[in-house]
Each structure stands twice: as structure tokens, then as C-alpha cells.
Amino acid sequence: MSNRITVVPAAGRVVPDPEAGDLLPAAGRDVLDSAWWRRRLADGDITLKTAKAAKPQGAK
């Protein structure tokens, strides 16, 4: 199974998505974790969207 990450363009950035053939939407997209996206992250073009932690049962 391939590792996938959710990426979001950094504020003021327009980032191409080579797999989809379009621009990364402002809401972000689930993509294959690859060198391409790691370079965009290192350059500050994107940020990783983290999953929200689930609340434990019984928590208020």
C-alpha cells in the first residue's frame, strides 16, 4: 500500500499537481507521498494537513 498525505498550498502560493494535471486546490488534496511533494514542502510551497485527533469516548 502506498503512503498518502494531504497537502494544502501555502498562503499566496499556486502549486501544480503533476499527477492530476491541474493546480492544487486551496482546500488541499490527498496525494501520493513522493519526492515531488517533499520538495514542495521543503521549499515552503505547501503544508501538510493533519487529521484531527478523535476524542476519547466519554470526553466532554
C-alpha atoms as a PDB file:
ATOM      1  CA  MET A   1       0.000   0.000   0.000  1.00  0.00           C
ATOM      2  CA  SER A   2       1.263   3.451  -0.900  1.00  0.00           C
ATOM      3  CA  ASN A   3       1.618   6.168   1.674  1.00  0.00           C
ATOM      4  CA  ARG A   4      -0.645   9.119   1.036  1.00  0.00           C
ATOM      5  CA  ILE A   5      -0.565  12.589   2.555  1.00  0.00           C
ATOM      6  CA  THR A   6      -2.949  15.521   2.443  1.00  0.00           C
ATOM      7  CA  VAL A   7      -1.300  18.686   1.192  1.00  0.00           C
ATOM      8  CA  VAL A   8      -2.561  22.266   1.147  1.00  0.00           C
ATOM      9  CA  PRO A   9      -0.935  25.149  -0.744  1.00  0.00           C
ATOM     10  CA  ALA A  10       0.778  27.706   1.483  1.00  0.00           C
ATOM     11  CA  ALA A  11      -0.839  31.142   1.646  1.00  0.00           C
ATOM     12  CA  GLY A  12      -0.292  33.029  -1.592  1.00  0.00           C
ATOM     13  CA  ARG A  13       1.118  30.012  -3.445  1.00  0.00           C
ATOM     14  CA  VAL A  14      -0.154  28.280  -6.578  1.00  0.00           C
ATOM     15  CA  VAL A  15       1.166  24.724  -6.815  1.00  0.00           C
ATOM     16  CA  PRO A  16       0.817  22.372  -9.803  1.00  0.00           C
ATOM     17  CA  ASP A  17      -0.226  18.775  -9.155  1.00  0.00           C
ATOM     18  CA  PRO A  18       1.641  16.643 -11.710  1.00  0.00           C
ATOM     19  CA  GLU A  19      -0.460  13.539 -11.029  1.00  0.00           C
ATOM     20  CA  ALA A  20      -3.843  15.254 -11.518  1.00  0.00           C
ATOM     21  CA  GLY A  21      -2.601  17.627 -14.230  1.00  0.00           C
ATOM     22  CA  ASP A  22      -4.077  20.731 -12.602  1.00  0.00           C
ATOM     23  CA  LEU A  23      -3.407  23.129  -9.748  1.00  0.00           C
ATOM     24  CA  LEU A  24      -3.637  22.034  -6.131  1.00  0.00           C
ATOM     25  CA  PRO A  25      -6.982  23.299  -4.784  1.00  0.00           C
ATOM     26  CA  ALA A  26      -6.977  25.719  -1.846  1.00  0.00           C
ATOM     27  CA  ALA A  27      -8.796  23.096   0.258  1.00  0.00           C
ATOM     28  CA  GLY A  28      -5.956  20.646  -0.334  1.00  0.00           C
ATOM     29  CA  ARG A  29      -5.803  17.165  -1.807  1.00  0.00           C
ATOM     30  CA  ASP A  30      -4.823  13.632  -0.834  1.00  0.00           C
ATOM     31  CA  VAL A  31      -1.709  12.755  -2.877  1.00  0.00           C
ATOM     32  CA  LEU A  32       0.927  10.047  -3.099  1.00  0.00           C
ATOM     33  CA  ASP A  33       3.797  10.775  -0.691  1.00  0.00           C
ATOM     34  CA  SER A  34       6.622  11.345  -3.173  1.00  0.00           C
ATOM     35  CA  ALA A  35       9.843  13.275  -3.655  1.00  0.00           C
ATOM     36  CA  TRP A  36       7.885  15.915  -5.633  1.00  0.00           C
ATOM     37  CA  TRP A  37       5.661  16.778  -2.652  1.00  0.00           C
ATOM     38  CA  ARG A  38       8.538  16.532  -0.169  1.00  0.00           C
ATOM     39  CA  ARG A  39      10.456  19.121  -2.228  1.00  0.00           C
ATOM     40  CA  ARG A  40       7.401  21.405  -2.303  1.00  0.00           C
ATOM     41  CA  LEU A  41       7.164  21.032   1.486  1.00  0.00           C
ATOM     42  CA  ALA A  42      10.867  21.808   1.953  1.00  0.00           C
ATOM     43  CA  ASP A  43      10.501  24.891  -0.301  1.00  0.00           C
ATOM     44  CA  GLY A  44       7.541  26.166   1.730  1.00  0.00           C
ATOM     45  CA  ASP A  45       5.079  25.860  -1.174  1.00  0.00           C
ATOM     46  CA  ILE A  46       2.743  23.514   0.722  1.00  0.00           C
ATOM     47  CA  THR A  47       1.810  22.478   4.225  1.00  0.00           C
ATOM     48  CA  LEU A  48       0.640  19.100   5.472  1.00  0.00           C
ATOM     49  CA  LYS A  49      -2.922  18.846   6.677  1.00  0.00           C
ATOM     50  CA  THR A  50      -3.056  16.668   9.758  1.00  0.00           C
ATOM     51  CA  ALA A  51      -6.030  14.560  10.720  1.00  0.00           C
ATOM     52  CA  LYS A  52      -7.923  15.790  13.729  1.00  0.00           C
ATOM     53  CA  ALA A  53      -7.472  13.550  16.742  1.00  0.00           C
ATOM     54  CA  ALA A  54     -10.618  11.724  17.720  1.00  0.00           C
ATOM     55  CA  LYS A  55     -11.997  12.496  21.162  1.00  0.00           C
ATOM     56  CA  PRO A  56     -11.926   9.569  23.551  1.00  0.00           C
ATOM     57  CA  GLN A  57     -15.324   8.163  24.363  1.00  0.00           C
ATOM     58  CA  GLY A  58     -16.855   9.846  27.365  1.00  0.00           C
ATOM     59  CA  ALA A  59     -14.837  13.052  26.897  1.00  0.00           C
ATOM     60  CA  LYS A  60     -16.739  16.327  27.096  1.00  0.00           C
END
